[in-house]
Amino acid sequence: MPEPLEDVPESYRLTDDTLLHHGRVWDVARETFDYRGTEITREVIRHPGAVAILALDDEERVLLIRQYRHPTRARAWEIPAGLLDMDGEAPLAAAQRELAEEADLAAERWNVLADFQNSPGGSDETIRVYLARGVSSVPAFARHDEEADIETRWVPLDDVVDAVLARRVQSPSLVVGALAAVASRARDWATRAPGAEPWLRHPVAGGAPWHTR
């Protein structure tokens, strides 16, 4: 039988590593590496990574938020999400914090739903999508900037998938999370992992052999 589909760790010796830009959220570097006897140069976005939360209530409705996204000039429907930009904060703790900050919600049960790399040809950004169940309200959080006028809506999971397949919504965390949720539901949620499962493939928080920085 063929081997299971699985990414494998692989890295090559850097011969040059030049920081081109140090930003508020991410950096841009020029890396040159020896690829099997040939030197190749690539510009790489170094990203702290992020977490996203697909919160599902007892009626199998998904909590969606909508906010303005300047780079794409759109007010986009998304699921709550945030950067792993606080030193020492575990990914699950970050997800719990982001759900409270962006949606004024807490959850009793947390599972890993999906992991994905947003643009592996040019960035090391890695995102973990959590499934949050047993949700309840918490005191409202004071939001600022683009988050100040966030809209929220509870939408049946199947309706969210319809919007994804019709290409009406395009946030990657929402797309991946919704499709992973319906696929997992069809398998009686057997694909879920514990919320605290180690995130080995994360370039910063992960451990060997995936840790690359």
C-alpha atoms as a PDB file:
ATOM      1  CA  MET A   1       0.000   0.000   0.000  1.00  0.00           C
ATOM      2  CA  PRO A   2       1.230   3.564  -0.633  1.00  0.00           C
ATOM      3  CA  GLU A   3       2.489   5.574   2.306  1.00  0.00           C
ATOM      4  CA  PRO A   4      -0.007   7.950   3.934  1.00  0.00           C
ATOM      5  CA  LEU A   5       0.024  11.507   2.629  1.00  0.00           C
ATOM      6  CA  GLU A   6       2.172  13.512   5.003  1.00  0.00           C
ATOM      7  CA  ASP A   7       4.504  16.497   4.828  1.00  0.00           C
ATOM      8  CA  VAL A   8       8.020  15.681   5.991  1.00  0.00           C
ATOM      9  CA  PRO A   9      10.646  18.005   7.509  1.00  0.00           C
ATOM     10  CA  GLU A  10      13.465  19.027   5.191  1.00  0.00           C
ATOM     11  CA  SER A  11      15.873  21.948   5.347  1.00  0.00           C
ATOM     12  CA  TYR A  12      19.040  23.146   3.651  1.00  0.00           C
ATOM     13  CA  ARG A  13      22.062  25.143   4.803  1.00  0.00           C
ATOM     14  CA  LEU A  14      21.654  28.904   4.625  1.00  0.00           C
ATOM     15  CA  THR A  15      24.562  30.690   2.975  1.00  0.00           C
ATOM     16  CA  ASP A  16      23.071  34.149   3.536  1.00  0.00           C
ATOM     17  CA  ASP A  17      20.309  35.515   5.756  1.00  0.00           C
ATOM     18  CA  THR A  18      19.567  39.243   5.422  1.00  0.00           C
ATOM     19  CA  LEU A  19      16.774  41.037   7.262  1.00  0.00           C
ATOM     20  CA  LEU A  20      15.124  43.410   4.776  1.00  0.00           C
ATOM     21  CA  HIS A  21      12.313  44.757   6.917  1.00  0.00           C
ATOM     22  CA  HIS A  22      11.374  44.565  10.588  1.00  0.00           C
ATOM     23  CA  GLY A  23       7.662  45.193  10.893  1.00  0.00           C
ATOM     24  CA  ARG A  24       5.141  45.570  13.678  1.00  0.00           C
ATOM     25  CA  VAL A  25       3.725  42.104  13.012  1.00  0.00           C
ATOM     26  CA  TRP A  26       6.138  40.289  10.694  1.00  0.00           C
ATOM     27  CA  ASP A  27       9.599  40.580   9.178  1.00  0.00           C
ATOM     28  CA  VAL A  28      10.811  40.138   5.619  1.00  0.00           C
ATOM     29  CA  ALA A  29      14.159  38.410   5.055  1.00  0.00           C
ATOM     30  CA  ARG A  30      16.237  37.423   2.035  1.00  0.00           C
ATOM     31  CA  GLU A  31      17.506  33.876   2.458  1.00  0.00           C
ATOM     32  CA  THR A  32      20.013  32.116   0.213  1.00  0.00           C
ATOM     33  CA  PHE A  33      20.335  28.363   0.650  1.00  0.00           C
ATOM     34  CA  ASP A  34      22.336  25.571  -0.886  1.00  0.00           C
ATOM     35  CA  TYR A  35      19.764  23.342  -2.576  1.00  0.00           C
ATOM     36  CA  ARG A  36      21.538  20.174  -3.661  1.00  0.00           C
ATOM     37  CA  GLY A  37      24.536  22.040  -5.006  1.00  0.00           C
ATOM     38  CA  THR A  38      22.646  25.055  -6.372  1.00  0.00           C
ATOM     39  CA  GLU A  39      22.327  28.349  -4.501  1.00  0.00           C
ATOM     40  CA  ILE A  40      18.761  29.671  -4.473  1.00  0.00           C
ATOM     41  CA  THR A  41      17.617  33.012  -3.069  1.00  0.00           C
ATOM     42  CA  ARG A  42      14.104  33.638  -1.787  1.00  0.00           C
ATOM     43  CA  GLU A  43      12.430  36.468   0.085  1.00  0.00           C
ATOM     44  CA  VAL A  44      10.552  35.104   3.076  1.00  0.00           C
ATOM     45  CA  ILE A  45       7.882  36.622   5.310  1.00  0.00           C
ATOM     46  CA  ARG A  46       8.618  35.551   8.884  1.00  0.00           C
ATOM     47  CA  HIS A  47       5.310  35.396  10.697  1.00  0.00           C
ATOM     48  CA  PRO A  48       4.569  34.645  14.368  1.00  0.00           C
ATOM     49  CA  GLY A  49       1.663  32.402  13.379  1.00  0.00           C
ATOM     50  CA  ALA A  50      -1.941  32.631  14.440  1.00  0.00           C
ATOM     51  CA  VAL A  51      -4.890  30.813  15.927  1.00  0.00           C
ATOM     52  CA  ALA A  52      -8.513  30.834  14.778  1.00  0.00           C
ATOM     53  CA  ILE A  53     -11.654  29.618  16.498  1.00  0.00           C
ATOM     54  CA  LEU A  54     -14.685  27.941  14.983  1.00  0.00           C
ATOM     55  CA  ALA A  55     -17.184  28.327  17.818  1.00  0.00           C
ATOM     56  CA  LEU A  56     -20.183  26.048  17.407  1.00  0.00           C
ATOM     57  CA  ASP A  57     -23.326  26.284  19.542  1.00  0.00           C
ATOM     58  CA  ASP A  58     -25.796  23.511  20.418  1.00  0.00           C
ATOM     59  CA  GLU A  59     -27.778  24.227  17.226  1.00  0.00           C
ATOM     60  CA  GLU A  60     -24.611  23.751  15.117  1.00  0.00           C
ATOM     61  CA  ARG A  61     -24.410  27.430  14.287  1.00  0.00           C
ATOM     62  CA  VAL A  62     -21.021  29.042  13.751  1.00  0.00           C
ATOM     63  CA  LEU A  63     -20.115  32.367  15.332  1.00  0.00           C
ATOM     64  CA  LEU A  64     -18.956  34.668  12.523  1.00  0.00           C
ATOM     65  CA  ILE A  65     -17.510  38.152  12.813  1.00  0.00           C
ATOM     66  CA  ARG A  66     -17.251  40.779  10.108  1.00  0.00           C
ATOM     67  CA  GLN A  67     -14.681  43.546  10.055  1.00  0.00           C
ATOM     68  CA  TYR A  68     -12.835  45.787   7.611  1.00  0.00           C
ATOM     69  CA  ARG A  69      -9.648  44.371   6.067  1.00  0.00           C
ATOM     70  CA  HIS A  70      -7.585  47.159   4.531  1.00  0.00           C
ATOM     71  CA  PRO A  71      -5.203  45.114   2.298  1.00  0.00           C
ATOM     72  CA  THR A  72      -8.138  43.556   0.437  1.00  0.00           C
ATOM     73  CA  ARG A  73     -10.409  46.628   0.730  1.00  0.00           C
ATOM     74  CA  ALA A  74     -13.268  44.491   1.999  1.00  0.00           C
ATOM     75  CA  ARG A  75     -15.502  44.030   5.018  1.00  0.00           C
ATOM     76  CA  ALA A  76     -15.056  40.312   5.374  1.00  0.00           C
ATOM     77  CA  TRP A  77     -16.816  37.557   7.272  1.00  0.00           C
ATOM     78  CA  GLU A  78     -14.344  35.557   9.338  1.00  0.00           C
ATOM     79  CA  ILE A  79     -14.079  33.436  12.451  1.00  0.00           C
ATOM     80  CA  PRO A  80     -12.368  34.944  15.517  1.00  0.00           C
ATOM     81  CA  ALA A  81      -8.591  34.786  15.181  1.00  0.00           C
ATOM     82  CA  GLY A  82      -5.402  36.394  16.377  1.00  0.00           C
ATOM     83  CA  LEU A  83      -1.635  36.387  16.267  1.00  0.00           C
ATOM     84  CA  LEU A  84       0.700  34.415  18.483  1.00  0.00           C
ATOM     85  CA  ASP A  85       2.483  37.610  19.412  1.00  0.00           C
ATOM     86  CA  MET A  86       2.584  37.375  23.225  1.00  0.00           C
ATOM     87  CA  ASP A  87       5.788  35.865  24.597  1.00  0.00           C
ATOM     88  CA  GLY A  88       5.250  32.589  26.400  1.00  0.00           C
ATOM     89  CA  GLU A  89       1.534  32.315  25.625  1.00  0.00           C
ATOM     90  CA  ALA A  90       0.450  28.802  24.656  1.00  0.00           C
ATOM     91  CA  PRO A  91      -1.585  28.524  21.426  1.00  0.00           C
ATOM     92  CA  LEU A  92      -4.683  27.253  23.250  1.00  0.00           C
ATOM     93  CA  ALA A  93      -4.499  30.131  25.730  1.00  0.00           C
ATOM     94  CA  ALA A  94      -4.184  32.539  22.803  1.00  0.00           C
ATOM     95  CA  ALA A  95      -7.296  31.052  21.192  1.00  0.00           C
ATOM     96  CA  GLN A  96      -9.248  31.388  24.434  1.00  0.00           C
ATOM     97  CA  ARG A  97      -8.119  34.998  24.776  1.00  0.00           C
ATOM     98  CA  GLU A  98      -9.015  35.862  21.181  1.00  0.00           C
ATOM     99  CA  LEU A  99     -12.497  34.364  21.472  1.00  0.00           C
ATOM    100  CA  ALA A 100     -13.135  36.573  24.499  1.00  0.00           C
ATOM    101  CA  GLU A 101     -11.598  39.688  22.953  1.00  0.00           C
ATOM    102  CA  GLU A 102     -13.274  39.455  19.549  1.00  0.00           C
ATOM    103  CA  ALA A 103     -16.587  37.789  20.362  1.00  0.00           C
ATOM    104  CA  ASP A 104     -17.172  38.186  24.129  1.00  0.00           C
ATOM    105  CA  LEU A 105     -17.389  34.406  24.471  1.00  0.00           C
ATOM    106  CA  ALA A 106     -15.849  31.581  26.485  1.00  0.00           C
ATOM    107  CA  ALA A 107     -16.045  27.855  25.734  1.00  0.00           C
ATOM    108  CA  GLU A 108     -16.035  24.742  27.908  1.00  0.00           C
ATOM    109  CA  ARG A 109     -14.615  22.301  25.339  1.00  0.00           C
ATOM    110  CA  TRP A 110     -11.679  22.883  23.017  1.00  0.00           C
ATOM    111  CA  ASN A 111     -10.296  20.682  20.253  1.00  0.00           C
ATOM    112  CA  VAL A 112      -7.814  21.107  17.419  1.00  0.00           C
ATOM    113  CA  LEU A 113      -9.793  21.046  14.171  1.00  0.00           C
ATOM    114  CA  ALA A 114      -7.177  21.839  11.490  1.00  0.00           C
ATOM    115  CA  ASP A 115      -3.693  23.228  10.883  1.00  0.00           C
ATOM    116  CA  PHE A 116      -2.650  24.947   7.672  1.00  0.00           C
ATOM    117  CA  GLN A 117       0.121  27.036   6.145  1.00  0.00           C
ATOM    118  CA  ASN A 118      -1.276  30.165   4.577  1.00  0.00           C
ATOM    119  CA  SER A 119       1.257  30.738   1.789  1.00  0.00           C
ATOM    120  CA  PRO A 120       4.201  28.309   2.050  1.00  0.00           C
ATOM    121  CA  GLY A 121       5.832  29.561  -1.129  1.00  0.00           C
ATOM    122  CA  GLY A 122       6.664  32.890   0.509  1.00  0.00           C
ATOM    123  CA  SER A 123       5.810  32.802   4.207  1.00  0.00           C
ATOM    124  CA  ASP A 124       6.243  30.534   7.222  1.00  0.00           C
ATOM    125  CA  GLU A 125       2.832  31.604   8.571  1.00  0.00           C
ATOM    126  CA  THR A 126       1.077  28.653  10.180  1.00  0.00           C
ATOM    127  CA  ILE A 127      -2.475  28.765  11.537  1.00  0.00           C
ATOM    128  CA  ARG A 128      -4.239  26.405  13.923  1.00  0.00           C
ATOM    129  CA  VAL A 129      -8.048  26.275  13.856  1.00  0.00           C
ATOM    130  CA  TYR A 130      -9.742  25.248  17.087  1.00  0.00           C
ATOM    131  CA  LEU A 131     -13.252  23.895  17.545  1.00  0.00           C
ATOM    132  CA  ALA A 132     -14.892  25.516  20.579  1.00  0.00           C
ATOM    133  CA  ARG A 133     -18.080  24.032  22.059  1.00  0.00           C
ATOM    134  CA  GLY A 134     -20.146  24.805  25.140  1.00  0.00           C
ATOM    135  CA  VAL A 135     -19.986  28.552  24.528  1.00  0.00           C
ATOM    136  CA  SER A 136     -21.219  31.214  26.923  1.00  0.00           C
ATOM    137  CA  SER A 137     -21.049  34.996  27.146  1.00  0.00           C
ATOM    138  CA  VAL A 138     -18.378  36.923  29.044  1.00  0.00           C
ATOM    139  CA  PRO A 139     -18.189  40.669  29.812  1.00  0.00           C
ATOM    140  CA  ALA A 140     -17.818  42.796  26.710  1.00  0.00           C
ATOM    141  CA  PHE A 141     -14.266  43.622  25.669  1.00  0.00           C
ATOM    142  CA  ALA A 142     -13.234  47.164  24.679  1.00  0.00           C
ATOM    143  CA  ARG A 143     -12.227  47.005  21.007  1.00  0.00           C
ATOM    144  CA  HIS A 144     -10.309  49.551  18.949  1.00  0.00           C
ATOM    145  CA  ASP A 145      -9.337  50.413  15.353  1.00  0.00           C
ATOM    146  CA  GLU A 146     -10.838  48.031  12.766  1.00  0.00           C
ATOM    147  CA  GLU A 147     -12.210  45.863  15.567  1.00  0.00           C
ATOM    148  CA  ALA A 148     -14.251  48.717  17.058  1.00  0.00           C
ATOM    149  CA  ASP A 149     -17.219  48.047  14.743  1.00  0.00           C
ATOM    150  CA  ILE A 150     -17.054  44.258  14.502  1.00  0.00           C
ATOM    151  CA  GLU A 151     -20.371  42.650  13.590  1.00  0.00           C
ATOM    152  CA  THR A 152     -21.314  39.201  14.852  1.00  0.00           C
ATOM    153  CA  ARG A 153     -23.733  36.618  13.487  1.00  0.00           C
ATOM    154  CA  TRP A 154     -24.595  33.021  14.326  1.00  0.00           C
ATOM    155  CA  VAL A 155     -24.933  31.081  11.059  1.00  0.00           C
ATOM    156  CA  PRO A 156     -25.802  27.392  10.546  1.00  0.00           C
ATOM    157  CA  LEU A 157     -22.672  25.435   9.649  1.00  0.00           C
ATOM    158  CA  ASP A 158     -24.199  24.152   6.412  1.00  0.00           C
ATOM    159  CA  ASP A 159     -25.039  27.723   5.354  1.00  0.00           C
ATOM    160  CA  VAL A 160     -21.429  28.749   5.992  1.00  0.00           C
ATOM    161  CA  VAL A 161     -20.227  25.893   3.784  1.00  0.00           C
ATOM    162  CA  ASP A 162     -22.677  26.980   1.078  1.00  0.00           C
ATOM    163  CA  ALA A 163     -21.173  30.485   1.188  1.00  0.00           C
ATOM    164  CA  VAL A 164     -17.653  29.033   0.957  1.00  0.00           C
ATOM    165  CA  LEU A 165     -18.517  26.831  -2.027  1.00  0.00           C
ATOM    166  CA  ALA A 166     -20.257  29.741  -3.747  1.00  0.00           C
ATOM    167  CA  ARG A 167     -17.085  31.824  -3.207  1.00  0.00           C
ATOM    168  CA  ARG A 168     -18.993  34.528  -1.349  1.00  0.00           C
ATOM    169  CA  VAL A 169     -16.601  34.365   1.626  1.00  0.00           C
ATOM    170  CA  GLN A 170     -12.847  33.945   1.245  1.00  0.00           C
ATOM    171  CA  SER A 171     -11.147  34.272   4.634  1.00  0.00           C
ATOM    172  CA  PRO A 172      -8.767  31.287   4.713  1.00  0.00           C
ATOM    173  CA  SER A 173      -9.394  30.445   8.361  1.00  0.00           C
ATOM    174  CA  LEU A 174     -13.141  30.478   7.757  1.00  0.00           C
ATOM    175  CA  VAL A 175     -12.838  28.383   4.582  1.00  0.00           C
ATOM    176  CA  VAL A 176     -10.536  25.789   6.146  1.00  0.00           C
ATOM    177  CA  GLY A 177     -12.411  25.733   9.443  1.00  0.00           C
ATOM    178  CA  ALA A 178     -15.868  25.316   7.911  1.00  0.00           C
ATOM    179  CA  LEU A 179     -14.833  22.594   5.470  1.00  0.00           C
ATOM    180  CA  ALA A 180     -12.854  20.763   8.150  1.00  0.00           C
ATOM    181  CA  ALA A 181     -15.852  20.959  10.493  1.00  0.00           C
ATOM    182  CA  VAL A 182     -18.321  19.395   8.058  1.00  0.00           C
ATOM    183  CA  ALA A 183     -15.791  16.701   7.130  1.00  0.00           C
ATOM    184  CA  SER A 184     -15.132  15.937  10.792  1.00  0.00           C
ATOM    185  CA  ARG A 185     -18.858  15.935  11.583  1.00  0.00           C
ATOM    186  CA  ALA A 186     -19.391  13.363   8.823  1.00  0.00           C
ATOM    187  CA  ARG A 187     -16.876  11.170  10.665  1.00  0.00           C
ATOM    188  CA  ASP A 188     -18.686  11.658  13.978  1.00  0.00           C
ATOM    189  CA  TRP A 189     -16.010  14.218  14.979  1.00  0.00           C
ATOM    190  CA  ALA A 190     -13.408  11.445  15.202  1.00  0.00           C
ATOM    191  CA  THR A 191     -10.702  13.628  13.605  1.00  0.00           C
ATOM    192  CA  ARG A 192     -10.632  16.145  16.461  1.00  0.00           C
ATOM    193  CA  ALA A 193      -7.486  16.346  18.567  1.00  0.00           C
ATOM    194  CA  PRO A 194      -7.124  17.515  22.179  1.00  0.00           C
ATOM    195  CA  GLY A 195      -6.981  21.278  22.474  1.00  0.00           C
ATOM    196  CA  ALA A 196      -3.534  21.149  24.105  1.00  0.00           C
ATOM    197  CA  GLU A 197      -2.016  18.893  21.434  1.00  0.00           C
ATOM    198  CA  PRO A 198       1.610  19.996  20.744  1.00  0.00           C
ATOM    199  CA  TRP A 199       1.938  22.116  17.625  1.00  0.00           C
ATOM    200  CA  LEU A 200       5.188  20.658  16.325  1.00  0.00           C
ATOM    201  CA  ARG A 201       4.991  22.175  12.850  1.00  0.00           C
ATOM    202  CA  HIS A 202       4.753  25.738  14.097  1.00  0.00           C
ATOM    203  CA  PRO A 203       8.003  27.547  13.156  1.00  0.00           C
ATOM    204  CA  VAL A 204       8.259  29.361  16.493  1.00  0.00           C
ATOM    205  CA  ALA A 205       6.229  27.440  19.076  1.00  0.00           C
ATOM    206  CA  GLY A 206       6.955  23.999  17.656  1.00  0.00           C
ATOM    207  CA  GLY A 207       9.690  21.580  18.566  1.00  0.00           C
ATOM    208  CA  ALA A 208      12.092  19.361  16.655  1.00  0.00           C
ATOM    209  CA  PRO A 209      12.097  18.256  13.924  1.00  0.00           C
ATOM    210  CA  TRP A 210       9.819  21.020  12.596  1.00  0.00           C
ATOM    211  CA  HIS A 211      11.368  23.903  14.492  1.00  0.00           C
ATOM    212  CA  THR A 212      13.241  25.889  11.838  1.00  0.00           C
ATOM    213  CA  ARG A 213      14.236  29.207  13.410  1.00  0.00           C
END
